[in-house]
Amino acid sequence: ESLTAAAGAATATEVAAAGLNWAFGPCVASPRDSRWGRTYEGFGADEQLVSRHAAAAVTGLQAPADERADLTRPFLPAG
């Protein structure tokens, strides 16, 4: 989880350097079937793992500056 938060903080720093004040946040879907495609965007099939890493990613994205906003991709039932 600390690595996930660090990746979020690095992303926030880099998009800020590019003059942006937002970044797409983590995908909070729990992919369970590799035939869905884009399963690599999720943190895994375990909801507890997904929730912990999503929270860490959002914390990392928002940590460097209060004005940064995060957009978490919504969970949509699929498959």
C-alpha atoms as a PDB file:
ATOM      1  CA  GLU A   1       0.000   0.000   0.000  1.00  0.00           C
ATOM      2  CA  SER A   2       2.867   2.387   0.656  1.00  0.00           C
ATOM      3  CA  LEU A   3       4.146   1.767  -2.876  1.00  0.00           C
ATOM      4  CA  THR A   4       0.670   2.531  -4.240  1.00  0.00           C
ATOM      5  CA  ALA A   5       0.576   5.805  -2.267  1.00  0.00           C
ATOM      6  CA  ALA A   6       4.078   6.677  -3.496  1.00  0.00           C
ATOM      7  CA  ALA A   7       3.024   6.030  -7.102  1.00  0.00           C
ATOM      8  CA  GLY A   8       0.022   8.305  -6.574  1.00  0.00           C
ATOM      9  CA  ALA A   9       2.226  11.049  -5.127  1.00  0.00           C
ATOM     10  CA  ALA A  10       4.664  10.731  -8.043  1.00  0.00           C
ATOM     11  CA  THR A  11       1.770  10.994 -10.491  1.00  0.00           C
ATOM     12  CA  ALA A  12       0.449  14.105  -8.713  1.00  0.00           C
ATOM     13  CA  THR A  13       3.884  15.734  -8.813  1.00  0.00           C
ATOM     14  CA  GLU A  14       4.342  14.989 -12.508  1.00  0.00           C
ATOM     15  CA  VAL A  15       0.929  16.237 -13.606  1.00  0.00           C
ATOM     16  CA  ALA A  16       1.433  19.377 -11.510  1.00  0.00           C
ATOM     17  CA  ALA A  17       4.753  19.942 -13.289  1.00  0.00           C
ATOM     18  CA  ALA A  18       2.833  19.724 -16.570  1.00  0.00           C
ATOM     19  CA  GLY A  19       0.485  22.469 -15.365  1.00  0.00           C
ATOM     20  CA  LEU A  20      -2.471  20.238 -14.551  1.00  0.00           C
ATOM     21  CA  ASN A  21      -4.342  20.059 -11.263  1.00  0.00           C
ATOM     22  CA  TRP A  22      -6.130  16.749 -11.771  1.00  0.00           C
ATOM     23  CA  ALA A  23      -5.353  13.151 -12.645  1.00  0.00           C
ATOM     24  CA  PHE A  24      -7.410  10.049 -13.178  1.00  0.00           C
ATOM     25  CA  GLY A  25      -7.551   8.038 -10.003  1.00  0.00           C
ATOM     26  CA  PRO A  26      -7.521   4.314  -9.493  1.00  0.00           C
ATOM     27  CA  CYS A  27      -9.898   1.885 -11.126  1.00  0.00           C
ATOM     28  CA  VAL A  28     -11.969   0.478  -8.282  1.00  0.00           C
ATOM     29  CA  ALA A  29     -13.466  -2.406 -10.253  1.00  0.00           C
ATOM     30  CA  SER A  30     -12.633  -5.951  -9.192  1.00  0.00           C
ATOM     31  CA  PRO A  31     -11.842  -7.781 -12.418  1.00  0.00           C
ATOM     32  CA  ARG A  32     -12.589 -11.493 -12.148  1.00  0.00           C
ATOM     33  CA  ASP A  33     -12.528 -12.695 -15.747  1.00  0.00           C
ATOM     34  CA  SER A  34      -9.582 -12.028 -18.052  1.00  0.00           C
ATOM     35  CA  ARG A  35     -11.915 -12.078 -21.069  1.00  0.00           C
ATOM     36  CA  TRP A  36     -13.288  -8.666 -19.989  1.00  0.00           C
ATOM     37  CA  GLY A  37     -10.204  -6.902 -21.242  1.00  0.00           C
ATOM     38  CA  ARG A  38      -8.402  -4.115 -19.423  1.00  0.00           C
ATOM     39  CA  THR A  39      -8.281  -6.204 -16.254  1.00  0.00           C
ATOM     40  CA  TYR A  40      -4.770  -4.832 -15.738  1.00  0.00           C
ATOM     41  CA  GLU A  41      -6.333  -1.551 -14.568  1.00  0.00           C
ATOM     42  CA  GLY A  42      -7.681  -3.070 -11.358  1.00  0.00           C
ATOM     43  CA  PHE A  43      -5.792  -3.947  -8.188  1.00  0.00           C
ATOM     44  CA  GLY A  44      -7.169  -7.497  -8.124  1.00  0.00           C
ATOM     45  CA  ALA A  45     -10.292  -9.560  -7.580  1.00  0.00           C
ATOM     46  CA  ASP A  46     -10.334  -9.219  -3.783  1.00  0.00           C
ATOM     47  CA  GLU A  47     -12.550  -6.313  -2.708  1.00  0.00           C
ATOM     48  CA  GLN A  48     -10.579  -5.723   0.508  1.00  0.00           C
ATOM     49  CA  LEU A  49      -7.332  -5.460  -1.436  1.00  0.00           C
ATOM     50  CA  VAL A  50      -8.931  -3.142  -3.999  1.00  0.00           C
ATOM     51  CA  SER A  51     -10.356  -0.847  -1.311  1.00  0.00           C
ATOM     52  CA  ARG A  52      -7.044  -0.575   0.564  1.00  0.00           C
ATOM     53  CA  HIS A  53      -5.026   0.176  -2.562  1.00  0.00           C
ATOM     54  CA  ALA A  54      -7.614   2.582  -3.965  1.00  0.00           C
ATOM     55  CA  ALA A  55      -7.556   4.535  -0.697  1.00  0.00           C
ATOM     56  CA  ALA A  56      -3.744   4.567  -0.727  1.00  0.00           C
ATOM     57  CA  ALA A  57      -3.675   5.774  -4.343  1.00  0.00           C
ATOM     58  CA  VAL A  58      -6.130   8.597  -3.641  1.00  0.00           C
ATOM     59  CA  THR A  59      -4.148   9.606  -0.543  1.00  0.00           C
ATOM     60  CA  GLY A  60      -0.967   9.699  -2.621  1.00  0.00           C
ATOM     61  CA  LEU A  61      -2.602  11.715  -5.375  1.00  0.00           C
ATOM     62  CA  GLN A  62      -3.906  14.295  -2.928  1.00  0.00           C
ATOM     63  CA  ALA A  63      -0.910  14.466  -0.591  1.00  0.00           C
ATOM     64  CA  PRO A  64       1.422  16.936  -2.367  1.00  0.00           C
ATOM     65  CA  ALA A  65      -1.092  19.793  -2.546  1.00  0.00           C
ATOM     66  CA  ASP A  66      -4.636  20.407  -1.349  1.00  0.00           C
ATOM     67  CA  GLU A  67      -5.745  21.871  -4.656  1.00  0.00           C
ATOM     68  CA  ARG A  68      -5.271  18.597  -6.523  1.00  0.00           C
ATOM     69  CA  ALA A  69      -8.435  16.723  -7.233  1.00  0.00           C
ATOM     70  CA  ASP A  70      -8.758  13.039  -7.872  1.00  0.00           C
ATOM     71  CA  LEU A  71     -11.308  11.311 -10.036  1.00  0.00           C
ATOM     72  CA  THR A  72     -11.879   7.710  -9.055  1.00  0.00           C
ATOM     73  CA  ARG A  73     -13.208   5.660 -11.897  1.00  0.00           C
ATOM     74  CA  PRO A  74     -16.619   4.418 -10.822  1.00  0.00           C
ATOM     75  CA  PHE A  75     -17.363   0.793 -10.282  1.00  0.00           C
ATOM     76  CA  LEU A  76     -19.731  -0.537 -12.910  1.00  0.00           C
ATOM     77  CA  PRO A  77     -20.936  -4.119 -12.701  1.00  0.00           C
ATOM     78  CA  ALA A  78     -19.554  -5.935 -15.702  1.00  0.00           C
ATOM     79  CA  GLY A  79     -19.491  -9.532 -16.781  1.00  0.00           C
END
